[in-house]
Amino acid sequence: MDRPDFTDLVSKFMDRTLDNSTLQEIVASASEAKAAVDAEIRDRQSNIRLVEMVGMVVDAHRDSLLKKIQEHGVPTGLPEVM
């Protein structure tokens, strides 16, 4: 399920504070905007963790390949590692 863009919800909240909305409408809009911002933060933190994990896997694979090259030399057909 797609959720509304958090920037749209924050804008809606800001608009409500500037027009003649009731306090109840402003509070409801603020709650909706905060929930959307919190969800966006969780998504971005999740994406950062995923990128960090992929980076660790790539680093480990690179280190493993470099160790094999140091132990056994460069396989035929591959360029020398500087």
N, C-alpha and C. Protein backbone atom coordinates (compact mmCIF):
# COMPACT_ATOMS: atom_id res chain seq x y z
N MET A 1 0.85 -1.18 0.00
CA MET A 1 0.00 0.00 0.00
C MET A 1 0.89 1.24 0.00
N ASP A 2 0.64 2.12 -0.92
CA ASP A 2 1.40 3.36 -0.96
C ASP A 2 0.87 4.32 0.08
N ARG A 3 1.79 5.02 0.68
CA ARG A 3 1.37 6.03 1.65
C ARG A 3 1.57 7.40 1.02
N PRO A 4 0.87 8.41 1.51
CA PRO A 4 1.02 9.76 0.96
C PRO A 4 2.45 10.28 1.18
N ASP A 5 2.89 11.12 0.29
CA ASP A 5 4.20 11.73 0.42
C ASP A 5 4.23 12.58 1.68
N PHE A 6 5.26 12.39 2.50
CA PHE A 6 5.30 13.11 3.77
C PHE A 6 5.40 14.61 3.57
N THR A 7 6.02 15.07 2.49
CA THR A 7 6.12 16.52 2.27
C THR A 7 4.75 17.13 2.00
N ASP A 8 3.88 16.38 1.31
CA ASP A 8 2.51 16.86 1.07
C ASP A 8 1.74 16.99 2.39
N LEU A 9 1.94 16.01 3.27
CA LEU A 9 1.23 16.05 4.55
C LEU A 9 1.74 17.18 5.44
N VAL A 10 3.04 17.43 5.40
CA VAL A 10 3.59 18.55 6.18
C VAL A 10 3.06 19.87 5.62
N SER A 11 3.01 19.99 4.30
CA SER A 11 2.46 21.21 3.68
C SER A 11 1.00 21.40 4.06
N LYS A 12 0.24 20.31 4.05
CA LYS A 12 -1.17 20.38 4.44
C LYS A 12 -1.30 20.88 5.88
N PHE A 13 -0.44 20.37 6.75
CA PHE A 13 -0.45 20.81 8.15
C PHE A 13 -0.14 22.30 8.23
N MET A 14 0.88 22.75 7.51
CA MET A 14 1.26 24.17 7.55
C MET A 14 0.12 25.04 7.01
N ASP A 15 -0.53 24.59 5.94
CA ASP A 15 -1.67 25.34 5.39
C ASP A 15 -2.80 25.45 6.41
N ARG A 16 -3.04 24.37 7.13
CA ARG A 16 -4.13 24.39 8.12
C ARG A 16 -3.84 25.37 9.25
N THR A 17 -2.57 25.54 9.58
CA THR A 17 -2.25 26.48 10.66
C THR A 17 -2.43 27.92 10.21
N LEU A 18 -2.39 28.14 8.89
CA LEU A 18 -2.50 29.51 8.36
C LEU A 18 -3.93 29.90 7.99
N ASP A 19 -4.77 28.90 7.74
CA ASP A 19 -6.15 29.26 7.39
C ASP A 19 -7.02 29.21 8.65
N ASN A 20 -8.28 29.16 8.48
CA ASN A 20 -9.20 29.21 9.62
C ASN A 20 -9.62 27.82 10.09
N SER A 21 -8.72 26.85 9.99
CA SER A 21 -9.05 25.50 10.45
C SER A 21 -9.25 25.48 11.96
N THR A 22 -10.05 24.54 12.39
CA THR A 22 -10.25 24.39 13.83
C THR A 22 -9.01 23.76 14.45
N LEU A 23 -8.88 23.92 15.74
CA LEU A 23 -7.75 23.32 16.45
C LEU A 23 -7.74 21.81 16.27
N GLN A 24 -8.90 21.20 16.27
CA GLN A 24 -9.01 19.75 16.08
C GLN A 24 -8.47 19.35 14.70
N GLU A 25 -8.80 20.12 13.67
CA GLU A 25 -8.29 19.82 12.32
C GLU A 25 -6.77 19.99 12.26
N ILE A 26 -6.26 21.01 12.93
CA ILE A 26 -4.81 21.25 12.94
C ILE A 26 -4.10 20.10 13.64
N VAL A 27 -4.62 19.68 14.78
CA VAL A 27 -4.01 18.58 15.54
C VAL A 27 -4.06 17.28 14.72
N ALA A 28 -5.18 17.01 14.09
CA ALA A 28 -5.30 15.80 13.26
C ALA A 28 -4.31 15.85 12.11
N SER A 29 -4.18 16.99 11.48
CA SER A 29 -3.25 17.15 10.37
C SER A 29 -1.81 17.00 10.86
N ALA A 30 -1.51 17.55 12.03
CA ALA A 30 -0.16 17.44 12.59
C ALA A 30 0.17 15.98 12.91
N SER A 31 -0.78 15.26 13.45
CA SER A 31 -0.57 13.84 13.77
C SER A 31 -0.32 13.03 12.51
N GLU A 32 -1.09 13.32 11.47
CA GLU A 32 -0.92 12.63 10.19
C GLU A 32 0.45 12.94 9.59
N ALA A 33 0.86 14.19 9.64
CA ALA A 33 2.17 14.59 9.10
C ALA A 33 3.29 13.94 9.90
N LYS A 34 3.18 13.92 11.22
CA LYS A 34 4.22 13.32 12.05
C LYS A 34 4.35 11.83 11.77
N ALA A 35 3.23 11.13 11.63
CA ALA A 35 3.27 9.70 11.32
C ALA A 35 3.95 9.46 9.97
N ALA A 36 3.67 10.30 9.00
CA ALA A 36 4.29 10.16 7.67
C ALA A 36 5.79 10.43 7.74
N VAL A 37 6.19 11.45 8.48
CA VAL A 37 7.61 11.76 8.63
C VAL A 37 8.32 10.61 9.35
N ASP A 38 7.71 10.09 10.41
CA ASP A 38 8.30 8.96 11.14
C ASP A 38 8.47 7.75 10.23
N ALA A 39 7.47 7.47 9.39
CA ALA A 39 7.56 6.34 8.46
C ALA A 39 8.68 6.56 7.45
N GLU A 40 8.82 7.79 6.97
CA GLU A 40 9.89 8.10 6.02
C GLU A 40 11.26 7.91 6.67
N ILE A 41 11.39 8.33 7.91
CA ILE A 41 12.66 8.16 8.64
C ILE A 41 12.98 6.68 8.78
N ARG A 42 11.98 5.87 9.16
CA ARG A 42 12.22 4.42 9.29
C ARG A 42 12.65 3.81 7.96
N ASP A 43 11.99 4.21 6.86
CA ASP A 43 12.36 3.69 5.54
C ASP A 43 13.80 4.05 5.19
N ARG A 44 14.16 5.29 5.43
CA ARG A 44 15.51 5.73 5.07
C ARG A 44 16.55 5.04 5.94
N GLN A 45 16.26 4.85 7.22
CA GLN A 45 17.19 4.14 8.09
C GLN A 45 17.35 2.70 7.64
N SER A 46 16.25 2.09 7.21
CA SER A 46 16.29 0.73 6.71
C SER A 46 17.15 0.65 5.45
N ASN A 47 16.99 1.62 4.55
CA ASN A 47 17.79 1.65 3.33
C ASN A 47 19.27 1.83 3.64
N ILE A 48 19.59 2.67 4.62
CA ILE A 48 20.98 2.88 5.01
C ILE A 48 21.57 1.58 5.54
N ARG A 49 20.83 0.87 6.39
CA ARG A 49 21.33 -0.41 6.92
C ARG A 49 21.56 -1.41 5.79
N LEU A 50 20.66 -1.44 4.82
CA LEU A 50 20.81 -2.36 3.69
C LEU A 50 22.07 -2.03 2.90
N VAL A 51 22.31 -0.77 2.62
CA VAL A 51 23.52 -0.36 1.88
C VAL A 51 24.77 -0.71 2.68
N GLU A 52 24.74 -0.50 4.00
CA GLU A 52 25.89 -0.85 4.83
C GLU A 52 26.17 -2.35 4.78
N MET A 53 25.10 -3.18 4.82
CA MET A 53 25.29 -4.63 4.77
C MET A 53 25.87 -5.05 3.42
N VAL A 54 25.36 -4.49 2.34
CA VAL A 54 25.89 -4.81 1.02
C VAL A 54 27.36 -4.40 0.94
N GLY A 55 27.70 -3.25 1.50
CA GLY A 55 29.09 -2.80 1.53
C GLY A 55 29.99 -3.77 2.28
N MET A 56 29.51 -4.29 3.39
CA MET A 56 30.31 -5.26 4.16
C MET A 56 30.53 -6.54 3.36
N VAL A 57 29.49 -7.00 2.65
CA VAL A 57 29.63 -8.20 1.83
C VAL A 57 30.64 -7.97 0.71
N VAL A 58 30.56 -6.82 0.06
CA VAL A 58 31.49 -6.49 -1.02
C VAL A 58 32.92 -6.41 -0.48
N ASP A 59 33.10 -5.76 0.67
CA ASP A 59 34.43 -5.67 1.29
C ASP A 59 34.98 -7.04 1.62
N ALA A 60 34.15 -7.91 2.19
CA ALA A 60 34.60 -9.25 2.56
C ALA A 60 34.98 -10.05 1.31
N HIS A 61 34.19 -9.94 0.27
CA HIS A 61 34.49 -10.66 -0.98
C HIS A 61 35.79 -10.14 -1.59
N ARG A 62 35.95 -8.82 -1.62
CA ARG A 62 37.19 -8.23 -2.14
C ARG A 62 38.39 -8.72 -1.34
N ASP A 63 38.28 -8.68 -0.02
CA ASP A 63 39.39 -9.12 0.84
C ASP A 63 39.72 -10.58 0.59
N SER A 64 38.69 -11.40 0.42
CA SER A 64 38.90 -12.83 0.14
C SER A 64 39.62 -13.02 -1.19
N LEU A 65 39.19 -12.28 -2.21
CA LEU A 65 39.84 -12.40 -3.52
C LEU A 65 41.29 -11.93 -3.46
N LEU A 66 41.54 -10.82 -2.77
CA LEU A 66 42.91 -10.32 -2.66
C LEU A 66 43.80 -11.32 -1.93
N LYS A 67 43.27 -11.97 -0.90
CA LYS A 67 44.04 -12.97 -0.15
C LYS A 67 44.39 -14.15 -1.06
N LYS A 68 43.41 -14.61 -1.85
CA LYS A 68 43.66 -15.72 -2.77
C LYS A 68 44.71 -15.34 -3.81
N ILE A 69 44.63 -14.11 -4.31
CA ILE A 69 45.61 -13.65 -5.29
C ILE A 69 47.00 -13.59 -4.67
N GLN A 70 47.09 -13.10 -3.42
CA GLN A 70 48.39 -13.04 -2.75
C GLN A 70 48.96 -14.43 -2.51
N GLU A 71 48.10 -15.39 -2.19
CA GLU A 71 48.56 -16.75 -1.90
C GLU A 71 48.91 -17.53 -3.17
N HIS A 72 48.13 -17.35 -4.22
CA HIS A 72 48.26 -18.21 -5.41
C HIS A 72 48.66 -17.47 -6.67
N GLY A 73 48.78 -16.17 -6.61
CA GLY A 73 49.09 -15.39 -7.80
C GLY A 73 47.82 -15.05 -8.57
N VAL A 74 48.01 -14.24 -9.60
CA VAL A 74 46.88 -13.79 -10.41
C VAL A 74 46.49 -14.91 -11.37
N PRO A 75 45.20 -15.29 -11.40
CA PRO A 75 44.77 -16.31 -12.35
C PRO A 75 45.00 -15.85 -13.79
N THR A 76 45.21 -16.80 -14.67
CA THR A 76 45.44 -16.49 -16.07
C THR A 76 44.26 -15.70 -16.63
N GLY A 77 44.59 -14.65 -17.38
CA GLY A 77 43.56 -13.85 -18.03
C GLY A 77 43.09 -12.67 -17.22
N LEU A 78 43.52 -12.53 -15.97
CA LEU A 78 43.12 -11.39 -15.16
C LEU A 78 44.28 -10.40 -15.05
N PRO A 79 44.00 -9.13 -15.02
CA PRO A 79 45.08 -8.14 -14.90
C PRO A 79 45.72 -8.19 -13.51
N GLU A 80 46.95 -7.73 -13.41
CA GLU A 80 47.65 -7.67 -12.13
C GLU A 80 46.95 -6.67 -11.22
N VAL A 81 46.94 -6.95 -9.93
CA VAL A 81 46.38 -6.03 -8.93
C VAL A 81 47.50 -5.13 -8.47
N MET A 82 47.24 -3.84 -8.50
CA MET A 82 48.29 -2.89 -8.09
C MET A 82 48.32 -2.76 -6.60
